Protein backbone atom coordinates (compact mmCIF):
# COMPACT_ATOMS: atom_id res chain seq x y z
CA UNK A 1 45.52 85.15 -10.36
CA UNK A 2 42.38 86.91 -9.20
CA UNK A 3 39.31 87.08 -10.88
CA UNK A 4 38.09 90.13 -8.92
CA UNK A 5 38.72 92.58 -11.26
CA UNK A 6 36.76 90.89 -14.08
CA UNK A 7 34.03 89.98 -11.83
CA UNK A 8 34.00 93.32 -10.24
CA UNK A 9 33.34 94.63 -13.39
CA UNK A 10 30.91 92.54 -14.78
CA UNK A 11 28.89 92.14 -11.87
CA UNK A 12 28.62 88.05 -12.12
CA UNK A 13 29.70 85.59 -9.58
CA UNK A 14 31.85 82.90 -11.77
CA UNK A 15 34.31 83.87 -14.17
CA UNK A 16 32.39 81.95 -16.92
CA UNK A 17 31.29 84.18 -19.79
CA UNK A 18 29.48 82.95 -23.16
CA UNK A 19 30.79 83.13 -26.07
CA UNK A 20 28.24 85.60 -28.36
CA UNK A 21 28.06 82.76 -31.18
CA UNK A 22 25.79 84.24 -34.25
CA UNK A 23 22.57 82.57 -34.35
CA UNK A 24 23.16 80.48 -31.57
CA UNK A 25 23.65 82.73 -28.37
CA UNK A 26 20.14 84.24 -27.99
CA UNK A 27 18.09 85.55 -25.19
CA UNK A 28 17.29 82.40 -23.35
CA UNK A 29 20.68 81.13 -23.16
CA UNK A 30 22.46 84.35 -22.30
CA UNK A 31 19.64 84.87 -19.20
CA UNK A 32 20.03 81.17 -18.44
CA UNK A 33 24.24 81.55 -18.04
CA UNK A 34 23.79 84.91 -16.30
CA UNK A 35 21.19 83.32 -14.10
CA UNK A 36 23.67 80.69 -12.95
CA UNK A 37 26.25 83.40 -11.89
CA UNK A 38 28.11 83.35 -15.15
CA UNK A 39 28.30 86.64 -17.52
CA UNK A 40 25.92 85.55 -20.70
CA UNK A 41 26.74 87.49 -23.96
CA UNK A 42 23.93 87.59 -26.73
CA UNK A 43 25.12 86.43 -30.55
CA UNK A 44 24.64 89.65 -32.34
CA UNK A 45 26.91 88.59 -34.72
CA UNK A 46 26.84 90.11 -38.23
CA UNK A 47 23.67 92.38 -36.89
CA UNK A 48 21.96 91.14 -39.89
CA UNK A 49 18.33 91.37 -38.30
CA UNK A 50 16.91 94.07 -36.30
CA UNK A 51 13.81 92.38 -35.68
CA UNK A 52 15.60 89.10 -34.26
CA UNK A 53 18.19 91.41 -32.24
CA UNK A 54 15.10 93.15 -30.53
CA UNK A 55 13.27 89.72 -29.52
CA UNK A 56 16.38 88.21 -28.42
CA UNK A 57 17.25 91.53 -26.29
CA UNK A 58 13.50 90.50 -24.76
CA UNK A 59 14.25 87.30 -23.59
CA UNK A 60 17.72 88.17 -21.96
CA UNK A 61 16.15 89.61 -18.94
CA UNK A 62 17.78 92.66 -16.91
CA UNK A 63 20.21 94.19 -19.28
CA UNK A 64 22.77 95.00 -16.36
CA UNK A 65 23.55 91.43 -16.33
CA UNK A 66 24.32 90.63 -19.44
CA UNK A 67 26.42 91.64 -22.72
CA UNK A 68 25.93 91.79 -26.43
CA UNK A 69 28.47 91.20 -29.00
CA UNK A 70 29.04 91.91 -32.74
CA UNK A 71 31.48 91.46 -35.39
CA UNK A 72 32.65 94.44 -35.53
CA UNK A 73 33.44 95.27 -39.28
CA UNK A 74 29.63 94.09 -39.90
CA UNK A 75 27.75 96.51 -37.29
CA UNK A 76 29.98 99.30 -38.40
CA UNK A 77 27.65 98.87 -41.97
CA UNK A 78 24.84 98.96 -39.91
CA UNK A 79 24.83 101.58 -37.29
CA UNK A 80 21.39 101.42 -36.32
CA UNK A 81 21.97 97.57 -34.52
CA UNK A 82 24.82 99.56 -32.24
CA UNK A 83 21.83 102.03 -31.54
CA UNK A 84 19.37 99.60 -30.48
CA UNK A 85 22.08 97.92 -28.15
CA UNK A 86 22.99 101.26 -26.49
CA UNK A 87 19.31 102.18 -26.08
CA UNK A 88 19.12 99.02 -23.76
CA UNK A 89 22.24 99.44 -21.91
CA UNK A 90 23.92 96.30 -21.35
CA UNK A 91 26.64 95.54 -18.89
CA UNK A 92 28.86 95.00 -21.68
CA UNK A 93 29.52 95.14 -25.45
CA UNK A 94 32.34 92.78 -27.15
CA UNK A 95 33.43 93.41 -30.07
CA UNK A 96 35.57 91.06 -32.20
CA UNK A 97 37.46 91.47 -35.61
CA UNK A 98 37.58 95.20 -36.44
CA UNK A 99 38.27 98.55 -35.39
CA UNK A 100 36.93 99.22 -31.63
CA UNK A 101 37.80 102.70 -31.28
CA UNK A 102 34.20 104.35 -32.45
CA UNK A 103 31.97 101.89 -30.70
CA UNK A 104 34.26 101.55 -27.44
CA UNK A 105 33.60 105.60 -27.50
CA UNK A 106 29.73 105.70 -27.69
CA UNK A 107 29.79 102.63 -25.15
CA UNK A 108 31.75 104.30 -22.39
CA UNK A 109 29.46 107.36 -22.77
CA UNK A 110 27.01 105.02 -22.00
CA UNK A 111 28.35 103.72 -18.97
CA UNK A 112 28.94 100.03 -20.79
CA UNK A 113 32.01 97.84 -20.62
CA UNK A 114 33.84 97.08 -23.51
CA UNK A 115 35.21 93.93 -24.12
CA UNK A 116 37.61 92.96 -27.07
CA UNK A 117 38.30 89.87 -28.50
CA UNK A 118 41.74 89.43 -30.10
CA UNK A 119 44.24 86.78 -31.66
CA UNK A 120 47.52 88.24 -31.10
CA UNK A 121 49.51 90.18 -28.53
CA UNK A 122 50.05 93.29 -31.13
CA UNK A 123 45.93 93.20 -31.39
CA UNK A 124 45.81 93.25 -27.73
CA UNK A 125 47.83 96.26 -27.23
CA UNK A 126 46.05 98.01 -29.97
CA UNK A 127 42.88 97.33 -28.50
CA UNK A 128 43.82 98.41 -24.94
CA UNK A 129 44.78 101.65 -26.50
CA UNK A 130 41.46 102.15 -28.13
CA UNK A 131 39.55 101.91 -25.26
CA UNK A 132 39.06 97.79 -24.12
CA UNK A 133 38.20 97.62 -20.83
CA UNK A 134 38.42 93.46 -20.73
CA UNK A 135 40.51 91.57 -23.32
CA UNK A 136 39.66 88.23 -24.46
CA UNK A 137 42.72 86.67 -25.86
CA UNK A 138 40.96 83.97 -28.26
CA UNK A 139 43.25 80.80 -29.27
CA UNK A 140 43.04 78.71 -32.37
CA UNK A 141 41.44 75.78 -31.02
CA UNK A 142 38.11 77.91 -30.78
CA UNK A 143 35.35 77.23 -32.87
CA UNK A 144 34.20 79.99 -35.76
CA UNK A 145 36.98 82.71 -36.62
CA UNK A 146 40.29 83.15 -35.67
CA UNK A 147 44.05 82.89 -36.62
CA UNK A 148 46.45 80.59 -35.78
CA UNK A 149 47.79 81.18 -32.34
CA UNK A 150 46.91 78.19 -29.65
CA UNK A 151 45.41 79.10 -26.36
CA UNK A 152 48.56 77.40 -24.31
CA UNK A 153 50.90 80.19 -25.90
CA UNK A 154 48.88 83.28 -26.41
CA UNK A 155 47.21 83.68 -22.80
CA UNK A 156 50.09 84.03 -20.85
CA UNK A 157 51.59 86.42 -23.91
CA UNK A 158 48.61 88.36 -23.72
CA UNK A 159 49.02 88.70 -19.60
CA UNK A 160 52.06 89.81 -19.92
CA UNK A 161 51.66 92.27 -22.23
CA UNK A 162 48.61 93.97 -21.15
CA UNK A 163 47.27 92.15 -17.92
CA UNK A 164 48.62 94.85 -15.43
CA UNK A 165 46.27 97.25 -17.26
CA UNK A 166 42.92 95.31 -17.86
CA UNK A 167 41.62 91.97 -17.16
CA UNK A 168 42.30 89.18 -19.54
CA UNK A 169 40.04 86.51 -20.43
CA UNK A 170 40.62 83.01 -22.31
CA UNK A 171 38.98 81.53 -25.11
CA UNK A 172 39.41 78.89 -27.29
CA UNK A 173 39.23 74.91 -26.44
CA UNK A 174 37.63 75.13 -23.02
CA UNK A 175 34.72 72.74 -22.18
CA UNK A 176 35.02 72.17 -18.72
CA UNK A 177 36.55 73.31 -15.01
CA UNK A 178 40.07 71.60 -15.81
CA UNK A 179 40.43 74.14 -18.93
CA UNK A 180 39.13 76.65 -16.88
CA UNK A 181 41.59 76.14 -13.82
CA UNK A 182 44.16 75.83 -16.70
CA UNK A 183 44.18 79.20 -18.26
CA UNK A 184 43.47 80.85 -14.84
CA UNK A 185 46.96 79.34 -13.96
CA UNK A 186 48.31 81.14 -17.06
CA UNK A 187 47.31 84.36 -15.94
CA UNK A 188 43.71 84.28 -17.16
CA UNK A 189 40.86 85.85 -15.13
CA UNK A 190 38.03 83.98 -16.73
CA UNK A 191 37.27 81.96 -19.48
CA UNK A 192 34.83 82.37 -22.49
CA UNK A 193 33.17 79.32 -23.72
CA UNK A 194 31.08 78.90 -26.91
CA UNK A 195 30.94 74.99 -27.95
CA UNK A 196 30.15 73.56 -24.22
CA UNK A 197 27.21 76.27 -24.27
CA UNK A 198 26.07 75.51 -28.35
CA UNK A 199 25.47 71.75 -26.62
CA UNK A 200 22.85 73.05 -24.28
CA UNK A 201 19.20 73.25 -24.12
CA UNK A 202 18.41 77.08 -24.39
CA UNK A 203 20.83 77.13 -27.53
CA UNK A 204 19.07 78.64 -30.51
CA UNK A 205 20.20 75.61 -32.92
CA UNK A 206 18.92 72.28 -34.53
CA UNK A 207 18.99 69.52 -32.56
CA UNK A 208 21.06 67.70 -35.17
CA UNK A 209 24.22 70.02 -35.08
CA UNK A 210 23.76 69.78 -30.99
CA UNK A 211 23.93 66.12 -31.68
CA UNK A 212 27.00 66.39 -33.80
CA UNK A 213 28.78 68.10 -31.17
CA UNK A 214 28.07 65.63 -28.79
CA UNK A 215 29.46 62.78 -30.85
CA UNK A 216 32.36 64.46 -32.38
CA UNK A 217 35.98 63.74 -31.43
CA UNK A 218 38.64 66.56 -31.01
CA UNK A 219 40.03 65.87 -34.19
CA UNK A 220 36.87 66.03 -35.86
CA UNK A 221 37.11 69.49 -36.91
CA UNK A 222 38.57 71.68 -40.10
CA UNK A 223 40.15 75.01 -40.05
CA UNK A 224 40.26 77.18 -43.53
CA UNK A 225 38.34 79.12 -45.60
CA UNK A 226 35.63 76.41 -47.40
CA UNK A 227 32.75 77.62 -45.85
CA UNK A 228 33.03 80.88 -46.16
CA UNK A 229 33.83 80.79 -49.76
CA UNK A 230 30.25 78.45 -50.27
CA UNK A 231 28.35 81.28 -48.36
CA UNK A 232 29.96 83.98 -50.63
CA UNK A 233 31.11 85.85 -47.14
CA UNK A 234 35.18 85.29 -47.01
CA UNK A 235 36.94 86.94 -44.75
CA UNK A 236 40.58 89.11 -45.07
CA UNK A 237 43.49 87.16 -44.15
CA UNK A 238 44.93 85.71 -41.56
CA UNK A 239 40.85 84.86 -40.55
CA UNK A 240 39.90 81.19 -40.71
CA UNK A 241 37.12 79.56 -39.72
CA UNK A 242 36.80 76.29 -37.52
CA UNK A 243 33.73 74.27 -37.79
CA UNK A 244 33.27 70.56 -37.64
CA UNK A 245 34.10 67.99 -40.42
CA UNK A 246 31.45 66.90 -42.83
CA UNK A 247 30.79 65.50 -46.00
CA UNK A 248 30.90 68.68 -47.76
CA UNK A 249 34.50 69.68 -46.15
CA UNK A 250 35.80 66.43 -47.09
CA UNK A 251 34.72 66.62 -50.55
CA UNK A 252 36.33 70.22 -51.31
CA UNK A 253 38.72 70.92 -48.49
CA UNK A 254 41.81 71.35 -50.69
CA UNK A 255 39.80 72.68 -53.86
CA UNK A 256 38.73 75.75 -52.58
CA UNK A 257 39.20 77.20 -56.22
CA UNK A 258 37.01 74.89 -57.94
CA UNK A 259 33.96 75.67 -55.66
CA UNK A 260 31.63 77.66 -57.27
CA UNK A 261 28.37 77.33 -55.46
CA UNK A 262 26.59 74.91 -53.15
CA UNK A 263 22.85 74.78 -51.95
CA UNK A 264 21.90 77.48 -50.17
CA UNK A 265 23.74 77.26 -46.81
CA UNK A 266 20.40 78.68 -44.78
CA UNK A 267 18.18 75.89 -46.22
CA UNK A 268 20.55 73.34 -45.64
CA UNK A 269 20.78 74.76 -41.96
CA UNK A 270 16.87 74.94 -41.47
CA UNK A 271 16.36 71.58 -42.72
CA UNK A 272 19.10 70.11 -40.34
CA UNK A 273 21.24 69.18 -43.19
CA UNK A 274 24.66 69.52 -41.34
CA UNK A 275 26.25 67.47 -43.72
CA UNK A 276 26.25 70.42 -46.30
CA UNK A 277 25.93 73.38 -43.36
CA UNK A 278 28.42 73.86 -41.16
CA UNK A 279 28.22 73.25 -37.40
CA UNK A 280 30.62 75.86 -35.86
CA UNK A 281 32.61 74.21 -33.27
CA UNK A 282 35.86 74.01 -31.52
CA UNK A 283 38.21 71.26 -30.39
CA UNK A 284 36.77 71.08 -27.30
CA UNK A 285 33.72 69.18 -28.64
CA UNK A 286 35.76 66.27 -27.85
CA UNK A 287 35.18 66.79 -24.37
CA UNK A 288 31.15 67.16 -24.54
CA UNK A 289 29.08 64.22 -24.36
CA UNK A 290 25.76 65.43 -23.26
CA UNK A 291 23.17 68.19 -23.89
CA UNK A 292 22.30 70.05 -20.47
CA UNK A 293 20.64 73.15 -19.39
CA UNK A 294 23.08 75.83 -19.57
CA UNK A 295 22.75 76.68 -15.38
CA UNK A 296 23.85 72.63 -14.93
CA UNK A 297 26.84 73.66 -17.05
CA UNK A 298 28.05 76.63 -14.80
CA UNK A 299 27.63 74.69 -11.96
CA UNK A 300 29.36 71.70 -12.94
CA UNK A 301 32.48 73.84 -14.38
CA UNK A 302 32.20 75.57 -11.07
CA UNK A 303 32.86 72.61 -9.26
CA UNK A 304 35.52 71.15 -11.29
CA UNK A 305 37.29 74.36 -11.06
CA UNK A 306 37.54 74.04 -7.26
CA UNK A 307 38.36 70.17 -7.56
CA UNK A 308 41.30 70.78 -9.87
CA UNK A 309 42.45 73.71 -7.61
CA UNK A 310 42.22 71.64 -4.52
CA UNK A 311 43.88 68.50 -6.21
CA UNK A 312 46.66 70.40 -7.55
CA UNK A 313 47.56 73.44 -5.43
CA UNK A 314 46.03 72.65 -2.19
CA UNK A 315 43.88 75.78 -2.08
CA UNK A 316 40.36 75.18 -1.20
CA UNK A 317 37.55 77.55 -2.85
CA UNK A 318 35.62 79.45 -0.57
CA UNK A 319 31.78 80.61 -0.88
CA UNK A 320 31.47 83.67 -2.93
CA UNK A 321 30.95 86.86 -0.68
CA UNK A 322 29.68 90.17 -2.51
CA UNK A 323 31.65 93.66 -1.05
CA UNK A 324 30.27 96.54 -0.47
CA UNK A 325 33.01 97.98 -3.43
CA UNK A 326 32.04 95.77 -6.10
CA UNK A 327 34.45 92.83 -5.57
CA UNK A 328 33.45 89.50 -5.23
CA UNK A 329 35.69 87.28 -3.25
CA UNK A 330 35.84 83.44 -2.90
CA UNK A 331 34.13 80.65 -4.88
CA UNK A 332 35.89 81.74 -7.64
CA UNK A 333 39.86 80.80 -6.79
CA UNK A 334 41.77 84.70 -6.04
CA UNK A 335 45.42 83.82 -6.74
CA UNK A 336 46.89 87.23 -5.41
CA UNK A 337 49.09 85.83 -3.21
CA UNK A 338 50.08 83.36 -5.27
CA UNK A 339 52.79 85.02 -7.06
CA UNK A 340 55.33 85.66 -4.16
CA UNK A 341 55.93 83.47 -0.82
CA UNK A 342 55.18 84.86 2.73
CA UNK A 343 58.13 85.20 5.35
CA UNK A 344 57.06 81.88 6.38
CA UNK A 345 57.18 80.14 3.20
CA UNK A 346 53.99 79.59 3.25
CA UNK A 347 51.74 80.43 0.10
CA UNK A 348 49.53 83.56 1.06
CA UNK A 349 46.07 82.80 -0.60
CA UNK A 350 43.84 85.71 -0.80
CA UNK A 351 40.16 85.16 -0.76
CA UNK A 352 40.29 81.44 -0.49
CA UNK A 353 39.93 79.10 2.54
CA UNK A 354 43.12 77.07 3.01
């Protein structure tokens, strides 16, 4: 699958996108991912704090190199937050969980690309109809809120439904180049990574939260509404949240109706008490064993993608070439020619060195 549409639209070199993690993906991390050739997306989250958003936007660098992401239904209650984002004119606005239509229209008028994250095929079709330029198909393995469909079946189903109209990017359970290569073989043009970048030097977050990601196994997470109940922020069905297991979840899982109160989550998080406060992370935590600068993470993933394709397909990836029409070729495998065989029965690979 070619990544040309995605890369040309976002103006980046590698199809590796930073998930806009609330209170984690700040300006420094966003700038680091974009600076390494990926596409950083600043985590506007619930849009709680204008001062925080302004400060982190200042740290993110050139607006043409990054995006900003919000939880759509929460941002809709705070129109000033969208105004701030539009004034900065980033390259993209990412919307998750809610009706994108009114916000997408405003973003398009400002010349901003609209990315919509979805969890079902029906959501993908609706998002495209309402103005999405790029779709993120989020599987249930990912950290934070989502639904129940796993990445492996969701991505190709979404690609089949709307991939001929807009680029599809995969999210959920991806932490290294093998995962990126796998979802590209399913038809995705790139991948969104959250947990892997949470465990980076630039990520906003308590060192203890990062340590727990590094030491967690793939079976060390839990999905449910437990932590939403605890912070009085329960989402409507079918959305649930995935976090690392801790003492709080072990005590209350299955007893959600009994849960009436807990110590203040913000205070617990600030104090590094992650036996109580959640670490929002996905199942791919089991693939993460270090905390590194974001640029090194991007570089390693790019190398691993190249190695995976060379090992399993015989495709050797050429250096990136920026064409005058905005298309980026090479470096990231362009699989336009893999959908058919040439007359001599050899695979015709576009944008790659064979």
